[in-house]
Protein backbone atom coordinates (compact mmCIF):
# COMPACT_ATOMS: atom_id res chain seq x y z
CA MET A 1 -25.26 112.33 45.04
CA ARG A 2 -21.96 114.49 43.66
CA LYS A 3 -19.83 116.91 46.27
CA LYS A 4 -20.69 120.88 46.91
CA GLN A 5 -19.28 122.28 44.03
CA LYS A 6 -15.18 124.04 45.73
CA ILE A 7 -15.70 127.67 44.38
CA ILE A 8 -12.32 129.01 43.16
CA ASN A 9 -13.56 132.57 42.75
CA LEU A 10 -12.78 134.75 46.45
CA TYR A 11 -16.40 135.91 45.99
CA ASN A 12 -17.73 131.87 47.32
CA ASP A 13 -20.83 132.32 44.45
CA TYR A 14 -22.03 128.97 45.27
CA THR A 15 -24.87 128.70 42.19
CA ILE A 16 -21.94 128.44 39.90
CA SER A 17 -22.34 124.09 39.12
CA SER A 18 -18.49 123.82 38.03
CA ILE A 19 -15.17 125.80 36.63
CA LYS A 20 -16.09 126.53 33.07
CA HIS A 21 -12.23 126.86 32.01
CA VAL A 22 -8.81 126.58 33.41
CA ILE A 23 -6.16 128.64 31.26
CA SER A 24 -2.90 128.03 31.92
CA ILE A 25 -0.16 130.69 30.80
CA GLN A 26 3.50 131.45 30.55
CA THR A 27 4.81 132.38 27.49
CA GLU A 28 3.49 135.63 25.26
CA GLU A 29 1.71 132.71 23.30
CA ASP A 30 -0.09 130.86 26.29
CA LEU A 31 -1.12 134.86 26.41
CA GLU A 32 -2.59 134.44 22.82
CA HIS A 33 -3.59 131.85 23.01
CA PHE A 34 -5.38 132.91 25.78
CA TRP A 35 -7.25 135.71 23.38
CA ASP A 36 -7.83 133.04 20.65
CA PHE A 37 -9.81 131.75 23.06
CA ILE A 38 -12.34 133.77 25.09
CA ASN A 39 -13.31 135.35 21.59
CA THR A 40 -13.75 131.83 20.17
CA HIS A 41 -16.16 130.83 22.94
CA ASN A 42 -18.02 133.93 23.64
CA ASN A 43 -20.41 133.74 21.86
CA SER A 44 -22.56 136.45 23.32
CA LYS A 45 -20.71 139.69 23.08
CA TYR A 46 -21.30 141.89 26.21
CA ILE A 47 -19.92 145.06 26.69
CA LEU A 48 -18.05 144.73 29.81
CA MET A 49 -16.76 141.78 29.18
CA ASN A 50 -14.31 142.61 25.84
CA ASN A 51 -13.60 145.33 28.25
CA PHE A 52 -12.13 143.59 30.67
CA ILE A 53 -10.77 140.84 27.98
CA SER A 54 -9.36 144.01 26.37
CA MET A 55 -7.75 145.28 29.50
CA PHE A 56 -6.28 142.63 30.70
CA TYR A 57 -4.81 141.41 27.86
CA GLU A 58 -3.08 145.10 27.34
CA PHE A 59 -1.70 144.49 31.23
CA ALA A 60 -0.47 141.14 30.45
CA HIS A 61 1.47 141.25 28.11
CA THR A 62 3.12 144.10 29.33
CA TYR A 63 3.39 141.97 32.72
CA VAL A 64 5.07 138.89 30.62
CA LEU A 65 7.35 140.98 28.81
CA ASN A 66 8.88 143.31 31.29
CA HIS A 67 8.67 140.55 34.21
CA GLU A 68 10.50 137.35 35.21
CA VAL A 69 8.21 134.89 33.60
CA HIS A 70 5.52 133.78 36.88
CA PHE A 71 3.23 130.88 35.41
CA PHE A 72 -0.35 131.33 36.62
CA GLU A 73 -3.54 130.24 35.42
CA ILE A 74 -6.68 131.71 34.50
CA ILE A 75 -9.94 130.43 36.03
CA LEU A 76 -13.33 131.26 34.79
CA GLU A 77 -16.44 131.05 36.28
CA GLU A 78 -20.01 132.02 34.76
CA SER A 79 -23.80 131.50 37.54
CA ASP A 80 -26.59 133.03 35.72
CA ALA A 81 -25.74 136.43 37.34
CA ASN A 82 -22.15 137.51 37.14
CA PHE A 83 -19.21 136.24 35.29
CA TYR A 84 -16.24 134.97 36.91
CA PHE A 85 -12.09 135.93 36.06
CA THR A 86 -9.23 134.30 39.47
CA PHE A 87 -6.07 135.32 38.59
CA TRP A 88 -3.87 132.42 40.76
CA ASN A 89 -0.19 133.59 41.05
CA LYS A 90 0.22 136.11 44.25
CA HIS A 91 3.31 138.38 42.21
CA LEU A 92 0.63 138.59 39.38
CA ALA A 93 -1.98 139.03 42.11
CA ASN A 94 -0.14 141.45 43.16
CA SER A 95 0.35 143.67 39.35
CA PHE A 96 -2.49 143.48 38.92
CA GLU A 97 -4.53 145.01 41.84
CA ASN A 98 -2.31 147.91 41.24
CA TYR A 99 -3.55 147.86 37.80
CA LEU A 100 -7.44 147.04 39.12
CA GLN A 101 -7.03 150.38 41.56
CA LYS A 102 -7.09 152.77 38.44
CA THR A 103 -10.63 151.79 36.81
CA SER A 104 -13.72 150.40 37.91
CA THR A 105 -13.13 146.95 38.09
CA ILE A 106 -14.91 145.39 41.21
CA PHE A 107 -12.32 143.07 41.95
CA LEU A 108 -11.15 140.85 45.88
CA LEU A 109 -7.63 139.93 46.09
CA GLN A 110 -6.54 137.19 48.84
CA ASP A 111 -3.43 135.26 49.76
CA ASN A 112 -2.14 133.80 46.25
CA LYS A 113 -5.77 135.15 43.84
CA ILE A 114 -7.17 137.95 43.00
CA SER A 115 -10.54 137.41 41.32
CA VAL A 116 -12.77 139.48 39.21
CA LYS A 117 -16.58 139.93 38.94
CA LEU A 118 -18.50 140.78 36.23
CA ASP A 119 -22.37 141.34 36.46
CA LYS A 120 -23.92 140.29 33.80
CA SER A 121 -27.35 142.82 34.76
CA LYS A 122 -24.72 145.78 33.64
CA GLN A 123 -24.01 144.16 30.22
CA GLU A 124 -25.31 144.27 26.96
CA GLU A 125 -25.52 141.84 23.66
CA ILE A 126 -23.59 143.81 20.96
CA LEU A 127 -20.79 142.76 18.17
CA LEU A 128 -17.30 143.04 19.09
CA ASP A 129 -16.87 147.20 19.43
CA ASN A 130 -13.57 149.43 18.02
CA LYS A 131 -11.79 149.20 21.07
CA THR A 132 -11.39 145.13 20.77
CA LYS A 133 -10.60 144.83 17.17
CA GLU A 134 -8.13 147.94 17.67
CA ILE A 135 -6.80 145.78 20.54
CA LYS A 136 -7.39 142.65 18.05
CA ARG A 137 -5.82 144.12 15.23
CA HIS A 138 -2.68 144.69 17.75
CA LYS A 139 -2.23 141.68 19.38
CA LYS A 140 -1.33 140.54 15.55
CA LEU A 141 1.27 142.92 14.55
CA ILE A 142 3.33 142.43 17.81
CA SER A 143 2.75 138.49 17.57
CA SER A 144 4.55 138.94 13.57
CA ASN A 145 8.24 139.46 13.34
CA THR A 146 7.03 141.56 9.97
CA ASN A 147 4.72 144.19 9.98
CA GLU A 148 2.78 141.32 6.71
CA PRO A 149 0.76 139.35 8.62
CA LYS A 150 1.04 135.78 8.78
CA THR A 151 -0.80 133.29 7.50
CA ILE A 152 -0.75 129.80 8.85
CA SER A 153 -3.29 127.13 6.89
CA PRO A 154 -3.73 123.93 8.86
CA TYR A 155 -1.34 121.22 9.13
CA THR A 156 -1.75 118.36 6.33
CA PHE A 157 0.58 115.68 7.35
CA ILE A 158 -2.06 113.90 9.31
CA THR A 159 -3.54 111.18 6.76
CA GLU A 160 -7.29 111.98 5.91
CA ASP A 161 -7.83 108.37 8.12
CA ASP A 162 -5.89 108.70 10.81
CA LEU A 163 -7.54 112.60 11.25
CA GLU A 164 -10.85 111.56 10.53
CA GLU A 165 -10.59 108.76 13.78
CA LEU A 166 -8.65 111.74 15.76
CA ILE A 167 -11.94 114.25 15.56
CA HIS A 168 -14.35 111.42 16.57
CA LEU A 169 -12.42 110.31 19.58
CA ASN A 170 -12.28 113.66 20.67
CA GLU A 171 -15.63 114.48 20.32
CA ASP A 172 -16.46 111.04 22.27
CA MET A 173 -14.08 112.58 25.07
CA GLN A 174 -16.10 115.90 24.53
CA GLU A 175 -19.04 113.55 25.22
CA VAL A 176 -17.97 112.29 28.41
CA LEU A 177 -17.17 115.13 30.46
CA TYR A 178 -20.53 116.03 28.75
CA HIS A 179 -22.86 113.45 31.03
CA VAL A 180 -19.58 114.18 33.79
CA ASN A 181 -20.52 117.18 34.37
CA ARG A 182 -24.66 116.28 34.17
CA HIS A 183 -24.05 112.79 36.59
CA GLY A 184 -20.73 112.98 38.22
CA PHE A 185 -18.03 110.32 37.26
CA ASN A 186 -18.34 107.02 37.25
CA GLU A 187 -16.83 103.45 36.46
CA ALA A 188 -18.34 103.59 32.81
CA TYR A 189 -17.70 106.46 32.03
CA PHE A 190 -13.69 106.25 32.89
CA ILE A 191 -13.35 103.32 30.80
CA SER A 192 -15.09 105.14 27.71
CA LEU A 193 -12.71 107.99 28.59
CA ARG A 194 -9.63 105.64 29.28
CA SER A 195 -10.33 104.30 25.91
CA CYS A 196 -10.64 107.10 23.74
CA LEU A 197 -7.15 108.57 25.22
CA SER A 198 -5.46 105.49 24.21
CA MET A 199 -6.41 105.24 20.94
CA PHE A 200 -5.95 109.21 20.98
CA CYS A 201 -2.15 108.39 21.86
CA LEU A 202 -2.39 105.46 19.15
CA THR A 203 -3.15 107.77 16.75
CA ILE A 204 -0.77 110.41 17.23
CA ARG A 205 2.57 108.39 18.56
CA TYR A 206 3.59 108.01 14.88
CA TYR A 207 4.60 111.68 14.45
CA ASP A 208 7.56 112.57 14.48
CA THR A 209 6.76 116.34 14.16
CA ILE A 210 4.37 115.90 16.99
CA SER A 211 6.22 114.11 19.49
CA ASN A 212 6.74 115.91 22.14
CA ILE A 213 2.33 116.62 22.74
CA ALA A 214 1.96 112.65 21.90
CA ASN A 215 3.92 112.02 24.73
CA ILE A 216 2.89 114.64 27.06
CA ILE A 217 -0.58 112.81 26.68
CA THR A 218 0.35 109.80 26.69
CA LYS A 219 1.60 110.29 29.90
CA PHE A 220 -1.88 111.47 30.81
CA SER A 221 -3.23 108.90 29.64
CA ASN A 222 -0.83 106.13 31.46
CA THR A 223 -1.53 108.43 34.62
CA LEU A 224 -5.83 107.01 33.80
CA ASN A 225 -4.23 103.61 33.29
CA THR A 226 -2.52 103.47 37.06
CA ASN A 227 -5.08 105.26 38.81
CA LYS A 228 -8.59 103.77 37.97
CA SER A 229 -8.99 104.27 41.88
CA ALA A 230 -7.79 107.53 42.89
CA ILE A 231 -9.87 109.49 39.78
CA LEU A 232 -13.37 108.22 40.47
CA ASN A 233 -13.06 109.24 43.79
CA LEU A 234 -11.56 113.09 42.93
CA SER A 235 -13.85 115.65 44.42
CA ILE A 236 -15.87 117.86 41.55
CA ASP A 237 -12.69 120.69 41.05
CA GLU A 238 -10.15 118.57 41.10
CA LEU A 239 -11.83 116.29 38.01
CA ASP A 240 -12.64 120.02 36.38
CA LEU A 241 -8.46 120.40 35.57
CA ILE A 242 -9.06 116.81 33.86
CA ALA A 243 -11.69 118.34 32.27
CA GLY A 244 -9.49 121.61 31.44
CA LEU A 245 -7.06 119.30 29.34
CA ILE A 246 -9.44 117.30 27.90
CA ASN A 247 -10.77 120.86 26.01
CA ASN A 248 -6.89 121.98 25.56
CA ILE A 249 -6.19 118.71 23.61
CA ASP A 250 -9.98 119.92 21.78
CA MET A 251 -8.87 123.57 21.00
CA TRP A 252 -5.10 121.53 20.08
CA LEU A 253 -6.24 119.44 17.52
CA ARG A 254 -9.08 122.02 15.58
CA VAL A 255 -6.53 124.74 15.87
CA LEU A 256 -4.16 122.83 14.35
CA PHE A 257 -5.19 120.75 12.15
CA ILE A 258 -8.80 121.91 11.33
CA GLU A 259 -8.90 125.51 11.50
CA GLY A 260 -4.70 126.62 10.75
CA GLY A 261 -3.31 129.72 12.43
CA ALA A 262 -1.81 128.78 15.07
CA ASP A 263 2.51 127.43 15.48
CA LEU A 264 2.98 123.33 15.70
CA HIS A 265 3.53 123.95 18.97
CA PHE A 266 1.15 126.64 21.07
CA MET A 267 -0.48 123.79 23.58
CA ASP A 268 2.49 121.81 24.40
CA ASN A 269 3.64 124.12 27.16
CA SER A 270 0.22 124.59 28.48
CA ILE A 271 -1.25 120.93 27.79
CA GLN A 272 2.40 120.44 29.51
CA ALA A 273 1.71 122.14 32.89
CA ASP A 274 -1.99 121.19 33.02
CA CYS A 275 -0.72 117.54 32.74
CA GLU A 276 1.65 118.36 35.53
CA MET A 277 -0.87 119.82 37.40
CA ILE A 278 -2.99 116.51 37.61
CA LEU A 279 0.02 114.33 38.29
CA GLN A 280 0.28 116.48 41.67
CA MET A 281 -3.08 114.72 42.85
CA PHE A 282 -1.15 111.03 41.95
CA ILE A 283 1.90 110.94 43.72
CA PRO A 284 1.93 109.28 47.40
CA GLN A 285 0.62 110.82 50.60
CA CYS A 286 3.43 110.13 51.89
CA GLU A 287 5.85 112.95 49.83
CA LEU A 288 2.94 115.85 50.34
CA GLN A 289 3.06 117.54 53.72
CA ASN A 290 0.32 119.15 54.59
CA SER A 291 -1.31 118.49 51.49
CA ASP A 292 -5.50 117.65 52.71
CA ASP A 293 -5.95 117.60 48.94
CA ASP A 294 -6.61 120.68 48.70
CA LEU A 295 -6.99 122.59 45.60
CA ASP A 296 -5.06 125.36 47.25
CA ASP A 297 -1.69 123.46 47.18
CA ILE A 298 -1.48 122.91 43.46
CA PHE A 299 -2.21 126.45 43.39
CA ASN A 300 0.52 127.42 45.88
CA PHE A 301 3.31 129.35 43.30
């Protein structure tokens, strides 16, 4: 039997089956990635969702430019009735609270995090409204050093055979995550995930231009290989962190080598942060004081 899901949002909505996404933000480039990620995955266009994302993007862009950079996580959760966005960082949470008080947004603030609740019943499906389009155009302008839009084609230095292999391995990892979400984690899924990651690393390690990301993913793969017992006993929320990293690897592969539109290193910081956060779960217990294997310690900035 799967352990009861630990809810991240402050509303404690236990109808949520799992954390939907965990996104790491530290730089303006990470913020651009967040915007593109939301627009790529949000197939149903909701008025309230679009307005909130546009509002947060404007706030966060100003925050990143005008404040000392503080790494923070955005945790997305969804139930049948609501969307939840939880922002985990004390500095950002306090600033965002002041911003939200001037709006009608429903939110809760506690300790190091702030949660926003978007009621689906107050939304209706529409195409992207003018406000969202305006912010999207604004995003493209501020991310460019010239007035001319930059178009980045998919990178082609990976051979066709290697790229096909990476795509298949990526699809296999996504399939493992799907089954883990439905049935829980077991040894068979562990072996499949470990094998896919090992082959993925072996395929990309020979390309010097992506050596940084190859080293990061290899470190994660090695962590799996040496911590089998511990990983099989991870809680659901800890497994969601691993799923978040796998999903980021999926986006890295698709955007850079299939779809195009991003700088070669646009995911390096985010994947590095995800990997380091996961590694903290395997530090010997004697090196952690009063951790109790609590997710709050992982996000304690």
